[in-house]
Amino acid sequence: MSRTHKSEADRAIASSNESHAQIKTNSPVISNPPVAKSVATNSPQSKQTVDQEYEKLMEDDDAAQAEVDQWIQDNEKFAAQGAGISQEEMKRKIQARFEPIKQSYEDFLRRHPEHAKARIAYGSFLGDLNDEDGSQEQLEKALEIETNNPAVYNNLANIYGHHGPVKRSFEFYAKAIELNPKEPVYYHNFGTTVFLFRKDAKEYYGINEQEVFDKALVLYSNAMRLDPSNFPLASDVAQTYYGIKPTRVDEALNAWTNALRLASDELEREGVYIHFARIKLHAGRFDEARAHLNTITNEHYATLKQRLTRNIGELEAAAKATNAAPSGAQ
């Protein structure tokens, strides 16, 4: 299903859904922590049968997810042409497609309640359906079975970050990293949660706001160290600087310079130029901001370019008027 990403005001935590046997994600995944297979039988033949049934369940889930993704993409194209179906109708269609998958999970887990991988996958499935209570229940049951599975700690931390207790999410992200310190998504999620819930982070860690910013940035830098070619991650890190006050201009520009190096096409590069212009505009570097905007030709950014150009003119005029005021008063 289509998934949203973050804005400063309301950034969804990047799910670390590590392969379908772990958890699905819209962030690139580098490693897949192993999940011990817990099956309620000691018979090798029976275990093989259960494993085959589980794999078939995963295939059916993946097929349903892929089909729904295609429906959504096609409907967006039709809607742009004045056709397509309503959101309510699409929702009903999606629910009908996923209902047999949900029933298959329920049936499998009734017969194999100690199958941790199935509970993790079902938790992910329910999370995709926006049933975070159901997802949390499955993940907590999986954690009772597998107490050292980093994916479970990470995904429960995501839920606690959304619905509380937020401070518990700090604990669970830290545990996920302790168990698998080479997974960049864990650092990314942790950094985002620390950044968004600064008051909780100040209380939990006994630090001030600037130290909270520093902690989030360290976590982001660890994610980048482990996944240095990830443009969406680099862009996320750079956007964090918009929320840091006072503005760290040089650090923000360095972060966007890093993102620019990773941009894969002209659309992404011009998006970075927009951010360069925005930062330099607010830093009073008007000529440099204008120069960045002059490199932007894609129609996708036309409205934003026009707005920033107008803002540059207004702020530059205001700055000149302020500087001229003392001489005019004499």
C-alpha atoms as a PDB file:
ATOM      1  CA  MET A   1       0.000   0.000   0.000  1.00  0.00           C
ATOM      2  CA  SER A   2       1.146   3.536  -0.519  1.00  0.00           C
ATOM      3  CA  ARG A   3       2.839   5.007   2.501  1.00  0.00           C
ATOM      4  CA  THR A   4       3.539   8.580   3.539  1.00  0.00           C
ATOM      5  CA  HIS A   5       6.843  10.061   4.638  1.00  0.00           C
ATOM      6  CA  LYS A   6       7.755  12.804   7.073  1.00  0.00           C
ATOM      7  CA  SER A   7       7.237  16.514   7.292  1.00  0.00           C
ATOM      8  CA  GLU A   8       8.735  18.581  10.133  1.00  0.00           C
ATOM      9  CA  ALA A   9       5.394  19.052  11.823  1.00  0.00           C
ATOM     10  CA  ASP A  10       4.149  15.503  11.518  1.00  0.00           C
ATOM     11  CA  ARG A  11       6.811  13.104  10.374  1.00  0.00           C
ATOM     12  CA  ALA A  12       5.686   9.517  10.323  1.00  0.00           C
ATOM     13  CA  ILE A  13       8.305   7.230  11.753  1.00  0.00           C
ATOM     14  CA  ALA A  14      10.041   5.310   8.984  1.00  0.00           C
ATOM     15  CA  SER A  15       8.933   1.729   9.492  1.00  0.00           C
ATOM     16  CA  SER A  16      11.775  -0.728   9.666  1.00  0.00           C
ATOM     17  CA  ASN A  17       9.861  -3.531   8.033  1.00  0.00           C
ATOM     18  CA  GLU A  18      12.676  -5.892   7.291  1.00  0.00           C
ATOM     19  CA  SER A  19      11.630  -8.296   4.542  1.00  0.00           C
ATOM     20  CA  HIS A  20       8.120  -9.645   4.734  1.00  0.00           C
ATOM     21  CA  ALA A  21       9.186 -12.291   7.193  1.00  0.00           C
ATOM     22  CA  GLN A  22      10.251  -9.382   9.379  1.00  0.00           C
ATOM     23  CA  ILE A  23       8.446  -6.096   8.822  1.00  0.00           C
ATOM     24  CA  LYS A  24       7.690  -4.166   5.604  1.00  0.00           C
ATOM     25  CA  THR A  25       9.239  -0.727   5.088  1.00  0.00           C
ATOM     26  CA  ASN A  26       9.334   2.266   2.793  1.00  0.00           C
ATOM     27  CA  SER A  27      12.948   2.856   3.790  1.00  0.00           C
ATOM     28  CA  PRO A  28      15.710   0.832   2.139  1.00  0.00           C
ATOM     29  CA  VAL A  29      16.742  -2.076   4.338  1.00  0.00           C
ATOM     30  CA  ILE A  30      20.361  -3.141   4.565  1.00  0.00           C
ATOM     31  CA  SER A  31      20.184  -6.123   6.870  1.00  0.00           C
ATOM     32  CA  ASN A  32      17.571  -8.680   7.764  1.00  0.00           C
ATOM     33  CA  PRO A  33      18.030  -9.799  11.371  1.00  0.00           C
ATOM     34  CA  PRO A  34      17.394 -13.523  11.653  1.00  0.00           C
ATOM     35  CA  VAL A  35      14.152 -14.610  13.237  1.00  0.00           C
ATOM     36  CA  ALA A  36      14.165 -17.906  15.078  1.00  0.00           C
ATOM     37  CA  LYS A  37      11.471 -20.265  13.830  1.00  0.00           C
ATOM     38  CA  SER A  38       9.092 -21.154  16.628  1.00  0.00           C
ATOM     39  CA  VAL A  39       6.717 -23.916  15.603  1.00  0.00           C
ATOM     40  CA  ALA A  40       4.438 -25.849  17.951  1.00  0.00           C
ATOM     41  CA  THR A  41       5.736 -29.272  16.987  1.00  0.00           C
ATOM     42  CA  ASN A  42       8.889 -31.338  17.150  1.00  0.00           C
ATOM     43  CA  SER A  43       8.078 -33.519  14.175  1.00  0.00           C
ATOM     44  CA  PRO A  44      10.431 -32.759  11.224  1.00  0.00           C
ATOM     45  CA  GLN A  45       7.719 -33.635   8.703  1.00  0.00           C
ATOM     46  CA  SER A  46       5.144 -31.537  10.507  1.00  0.00           C
ATOM     47  CA  LYS A  47       7.606 -28.653  10.824  1.00  0.00           C
ATOM     48  CA  GLN A  48       8.257 -28.770   7.081  1.00  0.00           C
ATOM     49  CA  THR A  49       4.536 -28.648   6.417  1.00  0.00           C
ATOM     50  CA  VAL A  50       4.106 -25.661   8.749  1.00  0.00           C
ATOM     51  CA  ASP A  51       7.012 -23.855   7.104  1.00  0.00           C
ATOM     52  CA  GLN A  52       5.484 -24.427   3.685  1.00  0.00           C
ATOM     53  CA  GLU A  53       2.129 -23.148   4.892  1.00  0.00           C
ATOM     54  CA  TYR A  54       3.792 -20.074   6.368  1.00  0.00           C
ATOM     55  CA  GLU A  55       5.663 -19.351   3.134  1.00  0.00           C
ATOM     56  CA  LYS A  56       2.410 -19.663   1.174  1.00  0.00           C
ATOM     57  CA  LEU A  57       0.802 -17.192   3.569  1.00  0.00           C
ATOM     58  CA  MET A  58       3.640 -14.746   2.950  1.00  0.00           C
ATOM     59  CA  GLU A  59       3.293 -15.145  -0.811  1.00  0.00           C
ATOM     60  CA  ASP A  60      -0.450 -14.500  -0.632  1.00  0.00           C
ATOM     61  CA  ASP A  61       0.114 -11.418   1.519  1.00  0.00           C
ATOM     62  CA  ASP A  62       2.777 -10.066  -0.839  1.00  0.00           C
ATOM     63  CA  ALA A  63       0.529 -10.673  -3.844  1.00  0.00           C
ATOM     64  CA  ALA A  64      -2.356  -8.831  -2.185  1.00  0.00           C
ATOM     65  CA  GLN A  65      -0.096  -5.924  -1.233  1.00  0.00           C
ATOM     66  CA  ALA A  66       1.254  -5.684  -4.803  1.00  0.00           C
ATOM     67  CA  GLU A  67      -2.224  -5.790  -6.296  1.00  0.00           C
ATOM     68  CA  VAL A  68      -3.522  -3.080  -3.968  1.00  0.00           C
ATOM     69  CA  ASP A  69      -0.473  -0.917  -4.682  1.00  0.00           C
ATOM     70  CA  GLN A  70      -1.265  -1.190  -8.383  1.00  0.00           C
ATOM     71  CA  TRP A  71      -4.916  -0.306  -7.801  1.00  0.00           C
ATOM     72  CA  ILE A  72      -3.911   2.826  -5.927  1.00  0.00           C
ATOM     73  CA  GLN A  73      -1.396   3.899  -8.562  1.00  0.00           C
ATOM     74  CA  ASP A  74      -3.855   3.300 -11.400  1.00  0.00           C
ATOM     75  CA  ASN A  75      -6.646   5.140  -9.601  1.00  0.00           C
ATOM     76  CA  GLU A  76      -4.387   8.152  -9.007  1.00  0.00           C
ATOM     77  CA  LYS A  77      -3.699   8.298 -12.753  1.00  0.00           C
ATOM     78  CA  PHE A  78      -7.402   7.983 -13.550  1.00  0.00           C
ATOM     79  CA  ALA A  79      -8.260  10.655 -10.979  1.00  0.00           C
ATOM     80  CA  ALA A  80      -5.796  13.049 -12.621  1.00  0.00           C
ATOM     81  CA  GLN A  81      -7.783  12.556 -15.837  1.00  0.00           C
ATOM     82  CA  GLY A  82     -11.101  13.192 -14.112  1.00  0.00           C
ATOM     83  CA  ALA A  83     -11.988   9.524 -13.712  1.00  0.00           C
ATOM     84  CA  GLY A  84     -11.218   6.966 -11.026  1.00  0.00           C
ATOM     85  CA  ILE A  85     -13.263   5.828  -8.034  1.00  0.00           C
ATOM     86  CA  SER A  86     -13.855   7.610  -4.739  1.00  0.00           C
ATOM     87  CA  GLN A  87     -11.638   7.106  -1.731  1.00  0.00           C
ATOM     88  CA  GLU A  88     -14.475   5.385   0.125  1.00  0.00           C
ATOM     89  CA  GLU A  89     -15.032   2.960  -2.726  1.00  0.00           C
ATOM     90  CA  MET A  90     -11.310   2.263  -2.968  1.00  0.00           C
ATOM     91  CA  LYS A  91     -11.180   1.677   0.773  1.00  0.00           C
ATOM     92  CA  ARG A  92     -13.990  -0.889   0.549  1.00  0.00           C
ATOM     93  CA  LYS A  93     -12.258  -2.589  -2.372  1.00  0.00           C
ATOM     94  CA  ILE A  94      -8.975  -2.800  -0.463  1.00  0.00           C
ATOM     95  CA  GLN A  95     -10.668  -4.130   2.668  1.00  0.00           C
ATOM     96  CA  ALA A  96     -12.378  -6.844   0.635  1.00  0.00           C
ATOM     97  CA  ARG A  97      -9.039  -7.837  -0.942  1.00  0.00           C
ATOM     98  CA  PHE A  98      -7.262  -8.040   2.404  1.00  0.00           C
ATOM     99  CA  GLU A  99     -10.005  -9.771   4.379  1.00  0.00           C
ATOM    100  CA  PRO A 100      -9.093 -13.328   3.238  1.00  0.00           C
ATOM    101  CA  ILE A 101      -5.428 -12.625   4.060  1.00  0.00           C
ATOM    102  CA  LYS A 102      -6.431 -11.488   7.539  1.00  0.00           C
ATOM    103  CA  GLN A 103      -8.498 -14.626   8.024  1.00  0.00           C
ATOM    104  CA  SER A 104      -5.565 -16.777   6.856  1.00  0.00           C
ATOM    105  CA  TYR A 105      -3.298 -15.169   9.443  1.00  0.00           C
ATOM    106  CA  GLU A 106      -5.876 -15.694  12.175  1.00  0.00           C
ATOM    107  CA  ASP A 107      -6.363 -19.326  11.214  1.00  0.00           C
ATOM    108  CA  PHE A 108      -2.617 -19.999  11.043  1.00  0.00           C
ATOM    109  CA  LEU A 109      -1.983 -18.433  14.441  1.00  0.00           C
ATOM    110  CA  ARG A 110      -4.865 -20.301  16.066  1.00  0.00           C
ATOM    111  CA  ARG A 111      -3.124 -23.504  15.052  1.00  0.00           C
ATOM    112  CA  HIS A 112       0.454 -22.288  15.634  1.00  0.00           C
ATOM    113  CA  PRO A 113       0.293 -19.649  18.402  1.00  0.00           C
ATOM    114  CA  GLU A 114       4.049 -19.839  19.093  1.00  0.00           C
ATOM    115  CA  HIS A 115       5.078 -19.020  15.511  1.00  0.00           C
ATOM    116  CA  ALA A 116       6.882 -15.726  16.146  1.00  0.00           C
ATOM    117  CA  LYS A 117       7.612 -14.932  12.503  1.00  0.00           C
ATOM    118  CA  ALA A 118       3.940 -15.186  11.606  1.00  0.00           C
ATOM    119  CA  ARG A 119       3.012 -12.867  14.477  1.00  0.00           C
ATOM    120  CA  ILE A 120       5.615 -10.333  13.308  1.00  0.00           C
ATOM    121  CA  ALA A 121       4.340 -10.507   9.737  1.00  0.00           C
ATOM    122  CA  TYR A 122       0.720 -10.247  10.904  1.00  0.00           C
ATOM    123  CA  GLY A 123       1.634  -7.261  13.039  1.00  0.00           C
ATOM    124  CA  SER A 124       3.095  -5.607   9.968  1.00  0.00           C
ATOM    125  CA  PHE A 125      -0.006  -6.469   7.936  1.00  0.00           C
ATOM    126  CA  LEU A 126      -2.293  -4.925  10.559  1.00  0.00           C
ATOM    127  CA  GLY A 127      -0.060  -1.862  10.746  1.00  0.00           C
ATOM    128  CA  ASP A 128      -0.491  -1.384   6.986  1.00  0.00           C
ATOM    129  CA  LEU A 129      -4.249  -1.455   7.593  1.00  0.00           C
ATOM    130  CA  ASN A 130      -3.826   1.295  10.226  1.00  0.00           C
ATOM    131  CA  ASP A 131      -4.793  -1.112  12.988  1.00  0.00           C
ATOM    132  CA  GLU A 132      -1.982  -0.165  15.333  1.00  0.00           C
ATOM    133  CA  ASP A 133      -3.704  -1.677  18.368  1.00  0.00           C
ATOM    134  CA  GLY A 134      -3.878  -5.033  16.610  1.00  0.00           C
ATOM    135  CA  SER A 135      -0.328  -4.638  15.362  1.00  0.00           C
ATOM    136  CA  GLN A 136       0.916  -3.851  18.862  1.00  0.00           C
ATOM    137  CA  GLU A 137      -0.849  -6.901  20.273  1.00  0.00           C
ATOM    138  CA  GLN A 138       0.797  -9.213  17.745  1.00  0.00           C
ATOM    139  CA  LEU A 139       4.242  -7.695  18.209  1.00  0.00           C
ATOM    140  CA  GLU A 140       4.043  -7.906  21.998  1.00  0.00           C
ATOM    141  CA  LYS A 141       3.075 -11.570  21.713  1.00  0.00           C
ATOM    142  CA  ALA A 142       6.001 -12.115  19.342  1.00  0.00           C
ATOM    143  CA  LEU A 143       8.310 -10.471  21.872  1.00  0.00           C
ATOM    144  CA  GLU A 144       7.152 -12.903  24.533  1.00  0.00           C
ATOM    145  CA  ILE A 145       8.257 -15.728  22.218  1.00  0.00           C
ATOM    146  CA  GLU A 146      11.469 -14.108  20.958  1.00  0.00           C
ATOM    147  CA  THR A 147      12.878 -11.749  23.539  1.00  0.00           C
ATOM    148  CA  ASN A 148      15.925 -10.791  21.464  1.00  0.00           C
ATOM    149  CA  ASN A 149      14.424  -9.912  18.082  1.00  0.00           C
ATOM    150  CA  PRO A 150      15.536  -6.371  17.155  1.00  0.00           C
ATOM    151  CA  ALA A 151      12.832  -5.940  14.490  1.00  0.00           C
ATOM    152  CA  VAL A 152      10.128  -6.431  17.096  1.00  0.00           C
ATOM    153  CA  TYR A 153      11.680  -3.882  19.451  1.00  0.00           C
ATOM    154  CA  ASN A 154      11.982  -1.381  16.607  1.00  0.00           C
ATOM    155  CA  ASN A 155       8.422  -1.802  15.414  1.00  0.00           C
ATOM    156  CA  LEU A 156       6.976  -1.594  18.904  1.00  0.00           C
ATOM    157  CA  ALA A 157       9.056   1.550  19.397  1.00  0.00           C
ATOM    158  CA  ASN A 158       7.416   2.965  16.258  1.00  0.00           C
ATOM    159  CA  ILE A 159       3.980   2.351  17.769  1.00  0.00           C
ATOM    160  CA  TYR A 160       4.930   3.786  21.168  1.00  0.00           C
ATOM    161  CA  GLY A 161       6.250   6.843  19.346  1.00  0.00           C
ATOM    162  CA  HIS A 162       2.836   7.313  17.733  1.00  0.00           C
ATOM    163  CA  HIS A 163       0.596   6.573  20.706  1.00  0.00           C
ATOM    164  CA  GLY A 164       2.789   6.500  23.780  1.00  0.00           C
ATOM    165  CA  PRO A 165       4.374   6.065  26.068  1.00  0.00           C
ATOM    166  CA  VAL A 166       6.980   7.961  24.039  1.00  0.00           C
ATOM    167  CA  LYS A 167       9.716   7.416  26.592  1.00  0.00           C
ATOM    168  CA  ARG A 168       9.282   3.688  26.175  1.00  0.00           C
ATOM    169  CA  SER A 169      10.002   4.099  22.475  1.00  0.00           C
ATOM    170  CA  PHE A 170      13.439   5.486  23.401  1.00  0.00           C
ATOM    171  CA  GLU A 171      14.085   2.361  25.446  1.00  0.00           C
ATOM    172  CA  PHE A 172      12.944   0.028  22.688  1.00  0.00           C
ATOM    173  CA  TYR A 173      14.917   1.738  19.902  1.00  0.00           C
ATOM    174  CA  ALA A 174      18.019   1.538  22.072  1.00  0.00           C
ATOM    175  CA  LYS A 175      17.362  -2.168  22.614  1.00  0.00           C
ATOM    176  CA  ALA A 176      16.928  -2.768  18.867  1.00  0.00           C
ATOM    177  CA  ILE A 177      20.263  -1.049  18.215  1.00  0.00           C
ATOM    178  CA  GLU A 178      21.935  -3.024  20.988  1.00  0.00           C
ATOM    179  CA  LEU A 179      20.755  -6.256  19.365  1.00  0.00           C
ATOM    180  CA  ASN A 180      21.608  -5.187  15.813  1.00  0.00           C
ATOM    181  CA  PRO A 181      23.885  -2.136  15.693  1.00  0.00           C
ATOM    182  CA  LYS A 182      24.323  -2.404  11.919  1.00  0.00           C
ATOM    183  CA  GLU A 183      20.727  -1.649  10.895  1.00  0.00           C
ATOM    184  CA  PRO A 184      20.497   2.002   9.718  1.00  0.00           C
ATOM    185  CA  VAL A 185      16.700   2.176   9.898  1.00  0.00           C
ATOM    186  CA  TYR A 186      16.822   1.788  13.675  1.00  0.00           C
ATOM    187  CA  TYR A 187      19.056   4.850  14.058  1.00  0.00           C
ATOM    188  CA  HIS A 188      16.898   6.781  11.583  1.00  0.00           C
ATOM    189  CA  ASN A 189      13.682   6.007  13.474  1.00  0.00           C
ATOM    190  CA  PHE A 190      15.299   6.703  16.832  1.00  0.00           C
ATOM    191  CA  GLY A 191      16.672  10.037  15.645  1.00  0.00           C
ATOM    192  CA  THR A 192      13.312  11.103  14.253  1.00  0.00           C
ATOM    193  CA  THR A 193      11.525  10.254  17.500  1.00  0.00           C
ATOM    194  CA  VAL A 194      14.062  12.107  19.636  1.00  0.00           C
ATOM    195  CA  PHE A 195      13.775  15.120  17.337  1.00  0.00           C
ATOM    196  CA  LEU A 196       9.974  15.185  17.289  1.00  0.00           C
ATOM    197  CA  PHE A 197       9.462  14.572  21.008  1.00  0.00           C
ATOM    198  CA  ARG A 198      12.043  16.960  22.377  1.00  0.00           C
ATOM    199  CA  LYS A 199      10.287  17.575  25.694  1.00  0.00           C
ATOM    200  CA  ASP A 200      10.162  13.842  26.417  1.00  0.00           C
ATOM    201  CA  ALA A 201      13.774  13.446  25.339  1.00  0.00           C
ATOM    202  CA  LYS A 202      14.891  16.285  27.618  1.00  0.00           C
ATOM    203  CA  GLU A 203      13.174  14.658  30.588  1.00  0.00           C
ATOM    204  CA  TYR A 204      14.240  11.104  29.775  1.00  0.00           C
ATOM    205  CA  TYR A 205      17.910  11.907  29.174  1.00  0.00           C
ATOM    206  CA  GLY A 206      18.238  14.914  31.489  1.00  0.00           C
ATOM    207  CA  ILE A 207      19.574  17.177  28.740  1.00  0.00           C
ATOM    208  CA  ASN A 208      18.672  20.586  27.281  1.00  0.00           C
ATOM    209  CA  GLU A 209      17.078  21.246  23.903  1.00  0.00           C
ATOM    210  CA  GLN A 210      20.311  21.891  22.026  1.00  0.00           C
ATOM    211  CA  GLU A 211      21.663  18.617  23.391  1.00  0.00           C
ATOM    212  CA  VAL A 212      18.493  16.902  22.177  1.00  0.00           C
ATOM    213  CA  PHE A 213      19.174  18.249  18.680  1.00  0.00           C
ATOM    214  CA  ASP A 214      22.746  16.990  18.945  1.00  0.00           C
ATOM    215  CA  LYS A 215      21.560  13.533  20.023  1.00  0.00           C
ATOM    216  CA  ALA A 216      19.141  13.287  17.103  1.00  0.00           C
ATOM    217  CA  LEU A 217      21.850  14.360  14.673  1.00  0.00           C
ATOM    218  CA  VAL A 218      24.287  11.783  16.032  1.00  0.00           C
ATOM    219  CA  LEU A 219      21.676   9.075  15.504  1.00  0.00           C
ATOM    220  CA  TYR A 220      21.071  10.327  11.967  1.00  0.00           C
ATOM    221  CA  SER A 221      24.801  10.385  11.266  1.00  0.00           C
ATOM    222  CA  ASN A 222      25.023   6.748  12.373  1.00  0.00           C
ATOM    223  CA  ALA A 223      22.234   5.878   9.954  1.00  0.00           C
ATOM    224  CA  MET A 224      24.081   7.693   7.151  1.00  0.00           C
ATOM    225  CA  ARG A 225      27.339   5.960   8.037  1.00  0.00           C
ATOM    226  CA  LEU A 226      25.649   2.589   7.601  1.00  0.00           C
ATOM    227  CA  ASP A 227      23.653   3.602   4.512  1.00  0.00           C
ATOM    228  CA  PRO A 228      25.747   6.349   2.882  1.00  0.00           C
ATOM    229  CA  SER A 229      24.066   6.263  -0.542  1.00  0.00           C
ATOM    230  CA  ASN A 230      20.468   6.678   0.663  1.00  0.00           C
ATOM    231  CA  PHE A 231      19.133   9.967  -0.768  1.00  0.00           C
ATOM    232  CA  PRO A 232      15.773   9.939   1.096  1.00  0.00           C
ATOM    233  CA  LEU A 233      17.652   9.426   4.360  1.00  0.00           C
ATOM    234  CA  ALA A 234      20.132  12.209   3.553  1.00  0.00           C
ATOM    235  CA  SER A 235      17.217  14.489   2.663  1.00  0.00           C
ATOM    236  CA  ASP A 236      15.478  13.650   5.945  1.00  0.00           C
ATOM    237  CA  VAL A 237      18.626  14.485   7.881  1.00  0.00           C
ATOM    238  CA  ALA A 238      18.991  17.810   6.072  1.00  0.00           C
ATOM    239  CA  GLN A 239      15.345  18.780   6.622  1.00  0.00           C
ATOM    240  CA  THR A 240      15.813  18.314  10.350  1.00  0.00           C
ATOM    241  CA  TYR A 241      17.773  21.576  10.420  1.00  0.00           C
ATOM    242  CA  TYR A 242      14.599  23.551   9.679  1.00  0.00           C
ATOM    243  CA  GLY A 243      13.383  22.664  13.163  1.00  0.00           C
ATOM    244  CA  ILE A 244      16.600  23.555  14.979  1.00  0.00           C
ATOM    245  CA  LYS A 245      16.642  27.015  16.547  1.00  0.00           C
ATOM    246  CA  PRO A 246      18.800  29.008  16.302  1.00  0.00           C
ATOM    247  CA  THR A 247      19.401  27.910  12.723  1.00  0.00           C
ATOM    248  CA  ARG A 248      22.700  26.133  12.128  1.00  0.00           C
ATOM    249  CA  VAL A 249      23.211  27.529   8.642  1.00  0.00           C
ATOM    250  CA  ASP A 250      26.565  25.985   7.780  1.00  0.00           C
ATOM    251  CA  GLU A 251      25.593  22.562   9.112  1.00  0.00           C
ATOM    252  CA  ALA A 252      22.322  22.679   7.189  1.00  0.00           C
ATOM    253  CA  LEU A 253      24.081  23.603   3.960  1.00  0.00           C
ATOM    254  CA  ASN A 254      26.608  20.808   4.478  1.00  0.00           C
ATOM    255  CA  ALA A 255      23.759  18.337   4.970  1.00  0.00           C
ATOM    256  CA  TRP A 256      22.053  19.459   1.763  1.00  0.00           C
ATOM    257  CA  THR A 257      25.389  19.320  -0.073  1.00  0.00           C
ATOM    258  CA  ASN A 258      25.639  15.683   0.968  1.00  0.00           C
ATOM    259  CA  ALA A 259      22.099  15.056  -0.263  1.00  0.00           C
ATOM    260  CA  LEU A 260      22.960  16.739  -3.579  1.00  0.00           C
ATOM    261  CA  ARG A 261      25.822  14.294  -4.121  1.00  0.00           C
ATOM    262  CA  LEU A 262      23.363  11.420  -3.721  1.00  0.00           C
ATOM    263  CA  ALA A 263      20.579  12.803  -5.932  1.00  0.00           C
ATOM    264  CA  SER A 264      19.819  10.340  -8.721  1.00  0.00           C
ATOM    265  CA  ASP A 265      18.113  12.633 -11.231  1.00  0.00           C
ATOM    266  CA  GLU A 266      17.514  16.253 -12.119  1.00  0.00           C
ATOM    267  CA  LEU A 267      14.236  16.441 -10.226  1.00  0.00           C
ATOM    268  CA  GLU A 268      15.968  15.469  -6.979  1.00  0.00           C
ATOM    269  CA  ARG A 269      18.865  17.834  -7.677  1.00  0.00           C
ATOM    270  CA  GLU A 270      16.558  20.783  -8.326  1.00  0.00           C
ATOM    271  CA  GLY A 271      14.685  19.928  -5.138  1.00  0.00           C
ATOM    272  CA  VAL A 272      17.956  20.325  -3.252  1.00  0.00           C
ATOM    273  CA  TYR A 273      18.560  23.701  -4.953  1.00  0.00           C
ATOM    274  CA  ILE A 274      15.188  24.815  -3.585  1.00  0.00           C
ATOM    275  CA  HIS A 275      16.434  24.012  -0.088  1.00  0.00           C
ATOM    276  CA  PHE A 276      19.730  25.811  -0.699  1.00  0.00           C
ATOM    277  CA  ALA A 277      17.775  28.885  -1.758  1.00  0.00           C
ATOM    278  CA  ARG A 278      15.451  28.700   1.245  1.00  0.00           C
ATOM    279  CA  ILE A 279      18.287  28.422   3.764  1.00  0.00           C
ATOM    280  CA  LYS A 280      20.338  31.218   2.183  1.00  0.00           C
ATOM    281  CA  LEU A 281      17.256  33.418   1.932  1.00  0.00           C
ATOM    282  CA  HIS A 282      16.723  33.260   5.693  1.00  0.00           C
ATOM    283  CA  ALA A 283      20.451  33.741   6.259  1.00  0.00           C
ATOM    284  CA  GLY A 284      20.270  37.033   4.307  1.00  0.00           C
ATOM    285  CA  ARG A 285      22.408  35.715   1.453  1.00  0.00           C
ATOM    286  CA  PHE A 286      19.980  36.950  -1.172  1.00  0.00           C
ATOM    287  CA  ASP A 287      22.185  36.871  -4.286  1.00  0.00           C
ATOM    288  CA  GLU A 288      23.214  33.290  -3.590  1.00  0.00           C
ATOM    289  CA  ALA A 289      19.598  32.287  -2.994  1.00  0.00           C
ATOM    290  CA  ARG A 290      18.612  33.868  -6.322  1.00  0.00           C
ATOM    291  CA  ALA A 291      21.423  32.056  -8.098  1.00  0.00           C
ATOM    292  CA  HIS A 292      20.167  28.706  -6.867  1.00  0.00           C
ATOM    293  CA  LEU A 293      16.634  29.489  -8.024  1.00  0.00           C
ATOM    294  CA  ASN A 294      17.932  30.459 -11.463  1.00  0.00           C
ATOM    295  CA  THR A 295      19.196  26.900 -11.973  1.00  0.00           C
ATOM    296  CA  ILE A 296      15.701  25.463 -11.510  1.00  0.00           C
ATOM    297  CA  THR A 297      13.805  24.777 -14.739  1.00  0.00           C
ATOM    298  CA  ASN A 298      11.481  21.867 -13.909  1.00  0.00           C
ATOM    299  CA  GLU A 299       7.792  22.803 -13.896  1.00  0.00           C
ATOM    300  CA  HIS A 300       7.331  20.670 -10.799  1.00  0.00           C
ATOM    301  CA  TYR A 301       8.964  23.450  -8.761  1.00  0.00           C
ATOM    302  CA  ALA A 302       7.520  26.436 -10.667  1.00  0.00           C
ATOM    303  CA  THR A 303       5.087  27.568  -7.956  1.00  0.00           C
ATOM    304  CA  LEU A 304       7.622  27.135  -5.154  1.00  0.00           C
ATOM    305  CA  LYS A 305      10.292  28.916  -7.188  1.00  0.00           C
ATOM    306  CA  GLN A 306       7.941  31.827  -7.793  1.00  0.00           C
ATOM    307  CA  ARG A 307       7.064  32.074  -4.110  1.00  0.00           C
ATOM    308  CA  LEU A 308      10.716  31.996  -3.012  1.00  0.00           C
ATOM    309  CA  THR A 309      11.657  34.598  -5.619  1.00  0.00           C
ATOM    310  CA  ARG A 310       8.960  36.895  -4.228  1.00  0.00           C
ATOM    311  CA  ASN A 311      10.149  36.255  -0.660  1.00  0.00           C
ATOM    312  CA  ILE A 312      13.712  37.097  -1.595  1.00  0.00           C
ATOM    313  CA  GLY A 313      12.611  40.422  -3.011  1.00  0.00           C
ATOM    314  CA  GLU A 314      10.523  41.273   0.037  1.00  0.00           C
ATOM    315  CA  LEU A 315      13.144  40.300   2.609  1.00  0.00           C
ATOM    316  CA  GLU A 316      15.935  41.983   0.688  1.00  0.00           C
ATOM    317  CA  ALA A 317      13.920  45.208   0.472  1.00  0.00           C
ATOM    318  CA  ALA A 318      13.160  45.047   4.183  1.00  0.00           C
ATOM    319  CA  ALA A 319      16.838  44.495   4.987  1.00  0.00           C
ATOM    320  CA  LYS A 320      17.864  47.475   2.856  1.00  0.00           C
ATOM    321  CA  ALA A 321      15.231  49.677   4.475  1.00  0.00           C
ATOM    322  CA  THR A 322      16.457  48.711   7.943  1.00  0.00           C
ATOM    323  CA  ASN A 323      20.045  49.463   7.015  1.00  0.00           C
ATOM    324  CA  ALA A 324      19.087  52.796   5.461  1.00  0.00           C
ATOM    325  CA  ALA A 325      16.975  53.960   8.412  1.00  0.00           C
ATOM    326  CA  PRO A 326      19.785  55.450  10.539  1.00  0.00           C
ATOM    327  CA  SER A 327      21.098  57.696   7.727  1.00  0.00           C
ATOM    328  CA  GLY A 328      17.580  58.807   6.809  1.00  0.00           C
ATOM    329  CA  ALA A 329      16.906  59.845  10.375  1.00  0.00           C
ATOM    330  CA  GLN A 330      19.853  62.229  10.551  1.00  0.00           C
END
